C-alpha atoms as a PDB file:
ATOM      1  CA  MET A   1      -0.023  -0.111   0.077  1.00  0.00           C
ATOM      2  CA  VAL A   2       2.900   2.299   0.417  1.00  0.00           C
ATOM      3  CA  GLU A   3       3.795   2.014  -2.572  1.00  0.00           C
ATOM      4  CA  LEU A   4       1.089   2.406  -4.274  1.00  0.00           C
ATOM      5  CA  TRP A   5       0.053   5.373  -2.901  1.00  0.00           C
ATOM      6  CA  ASN A   6       3.388   7.353  -3.116  1.00  0.00           C
ATOM      7  CA  GLY A   7       3.629   5.983  -6.586  1.00  0.00           C
ATOM      8  CA  PRO A   8       0.981   5.544  -9.649  1.00  0.00           C
ATOM      9  CA  GLY A   9      -1.917   5.221  -7.311  1.00  0.00           C
ATOM     10  CA  ALA A  10      -1.717   8.890  -5.756  1.00  0.00           C
ATOM     11  CA  ARG A  11      -0.579  10.688  -9.291  1.00  0.00           C
ATOM     12  CA  SER A  12      -3.671   9.045 -10.740  1.00  0.00           C
ATOM     13  CA  TRP A  13      -5.965  10.308  -7.453  1.00  0.00           C
ATOM     14  CA  ILE A  14      -4.677  14.032  -7.571  1.00  0.00           C
ATOM     15  CA  THR A  15      -4.434  14.612 -11.763  1.00  0.00           C
ATOM     16  CA  ALA A  16      -8.664  12.802 -10.491  1.00  0.00           C
ATOM     17  CA  GLN A  17      -9.038  14.957  -7.487  1.00  0.00           C
ATOM     18  CA  ALA A  18     -11.260  17.597  -8.631  1.00  0.00           C
ATOM     19  CA  LEU A  19     -14.002  15.463 -10.292  1.00  0.00           C
ATOM     20  CA  LEU A  20     -13.698  12.687  -7.208  1.00  0.00           C
ATOM     21  CA  ASP A  21     -14.437  15.938  -4.630  1.00  0.00           C
ATOM     22  CA  GLU A  22     -17.471  16.733  -6.831  1.00  0.00           C
ATOM     23  CA  ALA A  23     -18.474  13.479  -6.443  1.00  0.00           C
ATOM     24  CA  PHE A  24     -18.279  12.714  -3.651  1.00  0.00           C
ATOM     25  CA  ARG A  25     -19.129  16.144  -2.153  1.00  0.00           C
ATOM     26  CA  GLY A  26     -22.138  14.564  -0.227  1.00  0.00           C
ATOM     27  CA  PHE A  27     -20.125  12.354   1.824  1.00  0.00           C
ATOM     28  CA  GLU A  28     -17.989  15.661   2.615  1.00  0.00           C
ATOM     29  CA  THR A  29     -21.195  17.619   4.034  1.00  0.00           C
ATOM     30  CA  LEU A  30     -22.214  14.785   6.288  1.00  0.00           C
ATOM     31  CA  LEU A  31     -18.842  14.525   7.865  1.00  0.00           C
ATOM     32  CA  ALA A  32     -18.677  18.226   8.457  1.00  0.00           C
ATOM     33  CA  ASP A  33     -22.182  18.203   9.246  1.00  0.00           C
ATOM     34  CA  ILE A  34     -21.733  15.235  12.292  1.00  0.00           C
ATOM     35  CA  ALA A  35     -18.302  17.788  13.248  1.00  0.00           C
ATOM     36  CA  ALA A  36     -20.534  20.156  13.787  1.00  0.00           C
ATOM     37  CA  GLU A  37     -23.293  19.372  15.539  1.00  0.00           C
ATOM     38  CA  ALA A  38     -20.347  17.758  17.943  1.00  0.00           C
ATOM     39  CA  GLY A  39     -19.196  21.169  18.289  1.00  0.00           C
ATOM     40  CA  ALA A  40     -15.625  19.007  18.273  1.00  0.00           C
ATOM     41  CA  ARG A  41     -12.576  20.791  18.639  1.00  0.00           C
ATOM     42  CA  THR A  42      -9.614  18.862  17.442  1.00  0.00           C
ATOM     43  CA  VAL A  43     -10.693  16.579  14.352  1.00  0.00           C
ATOM     44  CA  LEU A  44      -8.634  13.822  13.028  1.00  0.00           C
ATOM     45  CA  ASP A  45      -9.443  12.693   9.606  1.00  0.00           C
ATOM     46  CA  VAL A  46      -7.445   9.745   8.974  1.00  0.00           C
ATOM     47  CA  GLY A  47      -6.933   8.615   4.632  1.00  0.00           C
ATOM     48  CA  CYS A  48      -8.111  12.127   4.085  1.00  0.00           C
ATOM     49  CA  GLY A  49      -6.485  11.711   0.618  1.00  0.00           C
ATOM     50  CA  THR A  50      -5.568  15.489  -1.231  1.00  0.00           C
ATOM     51  CA  GLY A  51      -7.976  16.390   2.351  1.00  0.00           C
ATOM     52  CA  ALA A  52     -11.592  18.031   0.618  1.00  0.00           C
ATOM     53  CA  THR A  53     -13.222  16.652   3.850  1.00  0.00           C
ATOM     54  CA  THR A  54     -10.823  18.098   6.312  1.00  0.00           C
ATOM     55  CA  ARG A  55     -11.049  21.475   4.582  1.00  0.00           C
ATOM     56  CA  ALA A  56     -14.400  21.228   4.772  1.00  0.00           C
ATOM     57  CA  ILE A  57     -14.554  20.255   8.672  1.00  0.00           C
ATOM     58  CA  ALA A  58     -11.647  22.806   8.957  1.00  0.00           C
ATOM     59  CA  GLY A  59     -14.081  25.485   7.360  1.00  0.00           C
ATOM     60  CA  ARG A  60     -16.998  24.660  10.012  1.00  0.00           C
ATOM     61  CA  ILE A  61     -15.306  24.651  13.392  1.00  0.00           C
ATOM     62  CA  ALA A  62     -13.087  27.030  13.220  1.00  0.00           C
ATOM     63  CA  PRO A  63     -11.469  29.523  14.589  1.00  0.00           C
ATOM     64  CA  GLU A  64     -12.087  27.678  18.264  1.00  0.00           C
ATOM     65  CA  GLY A  65     -11.259  24.319  16.212  1.00  0.00           C
ATOM     66  CA  THR A  66      -8.774  22.372  14.366  1.00  0.00           C
ATOM     67  CA  ALA A  67      -8.713  19.483  11.573  1.00  0.00           C
ATOM     68  CA  LEU A  68      -5.610  17.377  11.222  1.00  0.00           C
ATOM     69  CA  GLY A  69      -5.737  14.934   8.011  1.00  0.00           C
ATOM     70  CA  PHE A  70      -3.540  12.410   7.958  1.00  0.00           C
ATOM     71  CA  ASP A  71      -2.700  10.482   5.368  1.00  0.00           C
ATOM     72  CA  LEU A  72      -0.368   7.725   4.160  1.00  0.00           C
ATOM     73  CA  SER A  73       0.659   8.904   0.465  1.00  0.00           C
ATOM     74  CA  ALA A  74       3.416  11.715   0.866  1.00  0.00           C
ATOM     75  CA  PRO A  75       2.719  13.368  -2.583  1.00  0.00           C
ATOM     76  CA  MET A  76      -1.361  13.640  -1.910  1.00  0.00           C
ATOM     77  CA  ILE A  77      -0.500  15.308   1.330  1.00  0.00           C
ATOM     78  CA  GLU A  78       1.656  17.430  -0.521  1.00  0.00           C
ATOM     79  CA  HIS A  79      -1.206  18.450  -2.853  1.00  0.00           C
ATOM     80  CA  ALA A  80      -3.853  18.705  -0.068  1.00  0.00           C
ATOM     81  CA  GLN A  81      -1.637  21.607   1.643  1.00  0.00           C
ATOM     82  CA  LYS A  82      -1.179  23.199  -1.469  1.00  0.00           C
ATOM     83  CA  LEU A  83      -5.031  23.441  -1.684  1.00  0.00           C
ATOM     84  CA  ALA A  84      -5.083  24.354   1.340  1.00  0.00           C
ATOM     85  CA  GLY A  85      -3.121  27.148   0.719  1.00  0.00           C
ATOM     86  CA  GLN A  86      -4.644  28.399  -2.399  1.00  0.00           C
ATOM     87  CA  GLU A  87      -8.607  28.595  -0.507  1.00  0.00           C
ATOM     88  CA  GLY A  88      -6.660  30.283   2.493  1.00  0.00           C
ATOM     89  CA  SER A  89      -8.507  27.044   4.768  1.00  0.00           C
ATOM     90  CA  PRO A  90      -7.129  26.592   8.468  1.00  0.00           C
ATOM     91  CA  ALA A  91      -6.883  22.773   7.805  1.00  0.00           C
ATOM     92  CA  ARG A  92      -3.451  21.385   8.861  1.00  0.00           C
ATOM     93  CA  PHE A  93      -1.730  17.596   7.110  1.00  0.00           C
ATOM     94  CA  LEU A  94       0.658  14.970   8.238  1.00  0.00           C
ATOM     95  CA  THR A  95       2.126  11.976   6.361  1.00  0.00           C
ATOM     96  CA  GLY A  96       2.126   8.701   8.030  1.00  0.00           C
ATOM     97  CA  ASP A  97       0.982   5.401   8.764  1.00  0.00           C
ATOM     98  CA  ALA A  98      -2.527   5.405  11.125  1.00  0.00           C
ATOM     99  CA  GLN A  99      -1.367   2.012  11.949  1.00  0.00           C
ATOM    100  CA  THR A 100       2.174   2.879  13.855  1.00  0.00           C
ATOM    101  CA  HIS A 101       2.209   6.611  14.444  1.00  0.00           C
ATOM    102  CA  ASP A 102       2.627   7.528  17.818  1.00  0.00           C
ATOM    103  CA  PHE A 103      -0.193  10.434  17.637  1.00  0.00           C
ATOM    104  CA  PRO A 104      -0.308  12.259  21.114  1.00  0.00           C
ATOM    105  CA  ALA A 105      -2.458  10.505  23.464  1.00  0.00           C
ATOM    106  CA  ALA A 106      -6.022  11.123  24.366  1.00  0.00           C
ATOM    107  CA  SER A 107      -5.921  13.880  21.652  1.00  0.00           C
ATOM    108  CA  PHE A 108      -8.887  14.150  19.399  1.00  0.00           C
ATOM    109  CA  ASP A 109     -12.146  14.977  19.886  1.00  0.00           C
ATOM    110  CA  LEU A 110     -14.297  13.273  16.638  1.00  0.00           C
ATOM    111  CA  ILE A 111     -11.783  11.011  14.208  1.00  0.00           C
ATOM    112  CA  VAL A 112     -13.480  10.989  10.290  1.00  0.00           C
ATOM    113  CA  SER A 113     -12.526   9.081   7.293  1.00  0.00           C
ATOM    114  CA  ARG A 114     -14.392   9.211   3.798  1.00  0.00           C
ATOM    115  CA  PHE A 115     -13.321   6.107   2.361  1.00  0.00           C
ATOM    116  CA  GLY A 116      -9.780   6.287   4.345  1.00  0.00           C
ATOM    117  CA  VAL A 117      -9.944   3.246   6.773  1.00  0.00           C
ATOM    118  CA  MET A 118     -10.122   0.129   4.893  1.00  0.00           C
ATOM    119  CA  PHE A 119      -6.954  -0.691   3.052  1.00  0.00           C
ATOM    120  CA  PHE A 120      -5.601  -1.536   6.834  1.00  0.00           C
ATOM    121  CA  SER A 121      -3.087  -4.428   6.507  1.00  0.00           C
ATOM    122  CA  ASP A 122      -3.680  -4.386  10.726  1.00  0.00           C
ATOM    123  CA  PRO A 123      -7.522  -3.167  10.933  1.00  0.00           C
ATOM    124  CA  VAL A 124      -7.438  -4.118  14.844  1.00  0.00           C
ATOM    125  CA  GLY A 125      -3.872  -2.618  15.312  1.00  0.00           C
ATOM    126  CA  ALA A 126      -4.791   0.458  13.521  1.00  0.00           C
ATOM    127  CA  PHE A 127      -8.026   1.320  14.721  1.00  0.00           C
ATOM    128  CA  ALA A 128      -6.215   0.684  18.697  1.00  0.00           C
ATOM    129  CA  ASN A 129      -3.890   3.144  17.974  1.00  0.00           C
ATOM    130  CA  LEU A 130      -6.617   5.804  17.519  1.00  0.00           C
ATOM    131  CA  ARG A 131      -8.413   4.526  19.948  1.00  0.00           C
ATOM    132  CA  ARG A 132      -5.330   5.551  22.158  1.00  0.00           C
ATOM    133  CA  ALA A 133      -5.597   8.986  19.721  1.00  0.00           C
ATOM    134  CA  ALA A 134      -8.907   9.785  21.261  1.00  0.00           C
ATOM    135  CA  LYS A 135     -10.056  11.507  23.917  1.00  0.00           C
ATOM    136  CA  PRO A 136     -11.983   9.601  26.346  1.00  0.00           C
ATOM    137  CA  GLY A 137     -15.702   9.572  24.650  1.00  0.00           C
ATOM    138  CA  ALA A 138     -14.191  10.787  21.449  1.00  0.00           C
ATOM    139  CA  ALA A 139     -16.116   9.698  18.551  1.00  0.00           C
ATOM    140  CA  LEU A 140     -15.222   7.975  15.747  1.00  0.00           C
ATOM    141  CA  ALA A 141     -17.903   8.319  12.326  1.00  0.00           C
ATOM    142  CA  MET A 142     -16.689   6.726   8.812  1.00  0.00           C
ATOM    143  CA  ILE A 143     -18.340   6.287   5.346  1.00  0.00           C
ATOM    144  CA  SER A 144     -17.081   3.088   3.772  1.00  0.00           C
ATOM    145  CA  TRP A 145     -18.723   1.183   1.032  1.00  0.00           C
ATOM    146  CA  ARG A 146     -21.181  -1.813   0.986  1.00  0.00           C
ATOM    147  CA  ALA A 147     -20.916  -4.429  -1.141  1.00  0.00           C
ATOM    148  CA  ILE A 148     -20.027  -5.073  -4.707  1.00  0.00           C
ATOM    149  CA  ALA A 149     -23.033  -6.202  -6.027  1.00  0.00           C
ATOM    150  CA  GLU A 150     -24.886  -2.863  -4.113  1.00  0.00           C
ATOM    151  CA  ASN A 151     -22.414  -0.346  -5.938  1.00  0.00           C
ATOM    152  CA  PRO A 152     -22.260  -1.817  -9.823  1.00  0.00           C
ATOM    153  CA  PHE A 153     -21.116   1.725 -11.133  1.00  0.00           C
ATOM    154  CA  MET A 154     -17.714   1.040  -9.164  1.00  0.00           C
ATOM    155  CA  THR A 155     -17.709  -2.174 -11.657  1.00  0.00           C
ATOM    156  CA  VAL A 156     -19.023  -0.793 -14.666  1.00  0.00           C
ATOM    157  CA  ALA A 157     -15.192  -0.641 -16.137  1.00  0.00           C
ATOM    158  CA  GLU A 158     -14.048  -4.026 -15.220  1.00  0.00           C
ATOM    159  CA  ARG A 159     -17.176  -5.728 -16.737  1.00  0.00           C
ATOM    160  CA  ALA A 160     -16.909  -3.717 -19.640  1.00  0.00           C
ATOM    161  CA  ALA A 161     -13.144  -3.972 -20.362  1.00  0.00           C
ATOM    162  CA  ALA A 162     -12.435  -7.728 -18.912  1.00  0.00           C
ATOM    163  CA  PRO A 163     -12.864  -9.632 -22.867  1.00  0.00           C
ATOM    164  CA  LEU A 164     -10.314  -6.935 -24.242  1.00  0.00           C
ATOM    165  CA  LEU A 165      -7.881  -6.984 -20.968  1.00  0.00           C
ATOM    166  CA  PRO A 166      -7.310 -10.542 -19.888  1.00  0.00           C
ATOM    167  CA  ASP A 167      -4.280  -9.644 -17.742  1.00  0.00           C
ATOM    168  CA  LEU A 168      -7.042  -7.335 -15.400  1.00  0.00           C
ATOM    169  CA  PRO A 169      -6.622  -8.377 -11.935  1.00  0.00           C
ATOM    170  CA  LYS A 170     -10.412 -10.262 -10.029  1.00  0.00           C
ATOM    171  CA  ARG A 171     -11.083  -8.465  -6.656  1.00  0.00           C
ATOM    172  CA  GLY A 172      -9.965 -10.257  -4.026  1.00  0.00           C
ATOM    173  CA  GLY A 173     -10.339  -9.983  -0.096  1.00  0.00           C
ATOM    174  CA  GLY A 174      -8.073  -8.498   2.333  1.00  0.00           C
ATOM    175  CA  PRO A 175      -7.752  -5.122   2.556  1.00  0.00           C
ATOM    176  CA  GLY A 176      -9.341  -2.880  -0.405  1.00  0.00           C
ATOM    177  CA  GLN A 177     -11.720  -0.828  -1.073  1.00  0.00           C
ATOM    178  CA  PHE A 178     -14.584  -3.139  -0.402  1.00  0.00           C
ATOM    179  CA  ALA A 179     -12.728  -4.367   2.275  1.00  0.00           C
ATOM    180  CA  PHE A 180     -15.195  -2.754   5.396  1.00  0.00           C
ATOM    181  CA  ALA A 181     -18.700  -4.223   3.636  1.00  0.00           C
ATOM    182  CA  ASP A 182     -19.186  -7.034   6.082  1.00  0.00           C
ATOM    183  CA  GLN A 183     -20.881  -4.407   9.305  1.00  0.00           C
ATOM    184  CA  ASP A 184     -20.409  -7.920  11.485  1.00  0.00           C
ATOM    185  CA  HIS A 185     -16.613  -8.094  10.191  1.00  0.00           C
ATOM    186  CA  VAL A 186     -16.124  -4.137  10.960  1.00  0.00           C
ATOM    187  CA  HIS A 187     -17.984  -4.081  14.598  1.00  0.00           C
ATOM    188  CA  GLY A 188     -15.545  -7.086  15.530  1.00  0.00           C
ATOM    189  CA  ILE A 189     -12.311  -4.818  14.906  1.00  0.00           C
ATOM    190  CA  LEU A 190     -14.038  -2.143  16.300  1.00  0.00           C
ATOM    191  CA  ASP A 191     -15.021  -4.193  19.325  1.00  0.00           C
ATOM    192  CA  ALA A 192     -11.449  -5.545  19.549  1.00  0.00           C
ATOM    193  CA  ALA A 193      -9.515  -2.351  19.520  1.00  0.00           C
ATOM    194  CA  GLY A 194     -11.269  -0.741  22.226  1.00  0.00           C
ATOM    195  CA  TRP A 195     -14.300   0.919  20.969  1.00  0.00           C
ATOM    196  CA  THR A 196     -17.623   1.329  22.499  1.00  0.00           C
ATOM    197  CA  GLY A 197     -20.854   1.417  21.018  1.00  0.00           C
ATOM    198  CA  VAL A 198     -20.765   0.715  17.437  1.00  0.00           C
ATOM    199  CA  SER A 199     -23.546   1.178  15.269  1.00  0.00           C
ATOM    200  CA  SER A 200     -23.842   1.614  11.354  1.00  0.00           C
ATOM    201  CA  GLU A 201     -26.887   2.924   9.156  1.00  0.00           C
ATOM    202  CA  PRO A 202     -26.627   2.286   5.427  1.00  0.00           C
ATOM    203  CA  ILE A 203     -26.260   5.816   3.034  1.00  0.00           C
ATOM    204  CA  ASP A 204     -27.359   5.871  -0.481  1.00  0.00           C
ATOM    205  CA  MET A 205     -25.718   9.066  -1.693  1.00  0.00           C
ATOM    206  CA  MET A 206     -26.471  10.567  -5.055  1.00  0.00           C
ATOM    207  CA  CYS A 207     -23.256  11.360  -7.007  1.00  0.00           C
ATOM    208  CA  THR A 208     -23.133  13.190  -9.521  1.00  0.00           C
ATOM    209  CA  PHE A 209     -19.605  14.646 -11.937  1.00  0.00           C
ATOM    210  CA  PRO A 210     -19.866  15.328 -15.841  1.00  0.00           C
ATOM    211  CA  ALA A 211     -20.367  13.476 -18.155  1.00  0.00           C
ATOM    212  CA  SER A 212     -17.655  15.178 -20.217  1.00  0.00           C
ATOM    213  CA  ALA A 213     -14.951  13.815 -17.839  1.00  0.00           C
ATOM    214  CA  LEU A 214     -15.951  10.489 -17.876  1.00  0.00           C
ATOM    215  CA  ASP A 215     -13.242   9.501 -19.874  1.00  0.00           C
ATOM    216  CA  THR A 216     -10.741  11.374 -17.286  1.00  0.00           C
ATOM    217  CA  TYR A 217     -12.566   8.615 -14.640  1.00  0.00           C
ATOM    218  CA  LEU A 218     -11.790   5.405 -16.994  1.00  0.00           C
ATOM    219  CA  SER A 219      -8.652   6.180 -17.524  1.00  0.00           C
ATOM    220  CA  LEU A 220      -6.577   7.286 -14.488  1.00  0.00           C
ATOM    221  CA  MET A 221      -8.857   5.343 -11.735  1.00  0.00           C
ATOM    222  CA  GLY A 222      -9.105   1.496 -10.315  1.00  0.00           C
ATOM    223  CA  PRO A 223      -7.149  -1.285 -12.396  1.00  0.00           C
ATOM    224  CA  VAL A 224      -8.548  -0.482 -15.425  1.00  0.00           C
ATOM    225  CA  GLY A 225      -6.995   2.499 -15.736  1.00  0.00           C
ATOM    226  CA  HIS A 226      -3.734   1.380 -14.586  1.00  0.00           C
ATOM    227  CA  LEU A 227      -3.583  -1.255 -17.756  1.00  0.00           C
ATOM    228  CA  LEU A 228      -4.567   1.219 -20.319  1.00  0.00           C
ATOM    229  CA  ALA A 229      -1.559   3.141 -18.982  1.00  0.00           C
ATOM    230  CA  LYS A 230       0.438   0.438 -20.160  1.00  0.00           C
ATOM    231  CA  SER A 231      -1.751  -0.487 -23.504  1.00  0.00           C
ATOM    232  CA  ASP A 232      -1.138   0.862 -27.129  1.00  0.00           C
ATOM    233  CA  ASP A 233      -3.571   3.464 -28.609  1.00  0.00           C
ATOM    234  CA  ALA A 234      -5.462   1.330 -30.790  1.00  0.00           C
ATOM    235  CA  LEU A 235      -6.439  -1.104 -27.496  1.00  0.00           C
ATOM    236  CA  ARG A 236      -6.719   1.829 -25.676  1.00  0.00           C
ATOM    237  CA  GLU A 237      -9.705   3.141 -28.028  1.00  0.00           C
ATOM    238  CA  ARG A 238     -11.155  -0.041 -28.013  1.00  0.00           C
ATOM    239  CA  VAL A 239     -11.585  -0.782 -24.232  1.00  0.00           C
ATOM    240  CA  MET A 240     -12.911   3.032 -23.526  1.00  0.00           C
ATOM    241  CA  SER A 241     -15.268   2.698 -26.189  1.00  0.00           C
ATOM    242  CA  ALA A 242     -16.916  -0.824 -24.961  1.00  0.00           C
ATOM    243  CA  ILE A 243     -16.486   1.330 -21.785  1.00  0.00           C
ATOM    244  CA  ARG A 244     -18.563   4.342 -22.484  1.00  0.00           C
ATOM    245  CA  GLU A 245     -21.688   1.913 -23.607  1.00  0.00           C
ATOM    246  CA  GLY A 246     -21.159   0.541 -20.087  1.00  0.00           C
ATOM    247  CA  PHE A 247     -22.128   3.836 -18.846  1.00  0.00           C
ATOM    248  CA  SER A 248     -24.538   4.625 -21.030  1.00  0.00           C
ATOM    249  CA  GLU A 249     -27.505   3.979 -18.277  1.00  0.00           C
ATOM    250  CA  TYR A 250     -25.586   6.451 -16.166  1.00  0.00           C
ATOM    251  CA  LYS A 251     -25.723   9.248 -18.366  1.00  0.00           C
ATOM    252  CA  SER A 252     -28.118  12.142 -17.233  1.00  0.00           C
ATOM    253  CA  GLY A 253     -27.731  14.969 -19.741  1.00  0.00           C
ATOM    254  CA  PRO A 254     -24.420  16.250 -19.441  1.00  0.00           C
ATOM    255  CA  ASP A 255     -23.822  14.392 -15.905  1.00  0.00           C
ATOM    256  CA  ILE A 256     -22.972  11.010 -14.901  1.00  0.00           C
ATOM    257  CA  GLN A 257     -25.331  10.030 -11.661  1.00  0.00           C
ATOM    258  CA  PHE A 258     -24.927   6.750  -9.750  1.00  0.00           C
ATOM    259  CA  THR A 259     -25.712   6.166  -6.315  1.00  0.00           C
ATOM    260  CA  ALA A 260     -23.072   5.060  -3.687  1.00  0.00           C
ATOM    261  CA  ALA A 261     -24.089   2.462  -1.417  1.00  0.00           C
ATOM    262  CA  CYS A 262     -22.142   3.266   1.960  1.00  0.00           C
ATOM    263  CA  TRP A 263     -21.940   2.602   5.665  1.00  0.00           C
ATOM    264  CA  LEU A 264     -21.888   5.262   8.028  1.00  0.00           C
ATOM    265  CA  THR A 265     -20.276   3.382  11.291  1.00  0.00           C
ATOM    266  CA  ARG A 266     -20.349   5.115  14.856  1.00  0.00           C
ATOM    267  CA  ALA A 267     -18.058   4.478  17.685  1.00  0.00           C
ATOM    268  CA  THR A 268     -16.976   5.315  20.775  1.00  0.00           C
ATOM    269  CA  ALA A 269     -13.650   5.937  22.915  1.00  0.00           C
END
């Protein structure tokens, strides 16, 4: 994961940052609302990527409160700092591994994540470390994907491209985008890590981005994007044509629209 998120994964995410932030803005707003309603004063955003959620929370709780975005990816943190500077945001950012980072003990009254906690190789150890960083009674609120079957949009490209890309890797178990789809599994992780009052709420969020940006999305994100980067022009165009057809059902006027089926998981330190 360190190599991926400090190499091609980071470059792709940074290039697609504006598109992804637009598509997932509803989740950003949801977590910022939670922070504001809780009266949070010290917030940690785990797996913050390029920092949209961190900046949104910082904007809602400043000047009394502070928000720290934390991510394994040095390039994404550098980009997050750049965007914060451009926007005049008070958000702060730090690079590190949340599984092992020596956070100051009992220093955060809210820990959040938007799709940033499903990649831990040792999830119990990671959430135990975050539990130590949380103040007594602090809240955890994190967004993760429900099952692949409930999120067909996320695999359209793979299904359409599979006949043309025999080397396309199959999605497996373990750390990854859908690792927290089974909430019994997630509750067990959090219980073992010392969190209490664990609960999960299904969230269905309508997400939108311009149809004109679809090719950018397809060429950069996920396993198909990684393989296309290594393909010749003729194969790339055949694959892109097949995928565009697959996405046609999600086109609504000038936009691409899809429902993101996710979990909002909460717990208390």
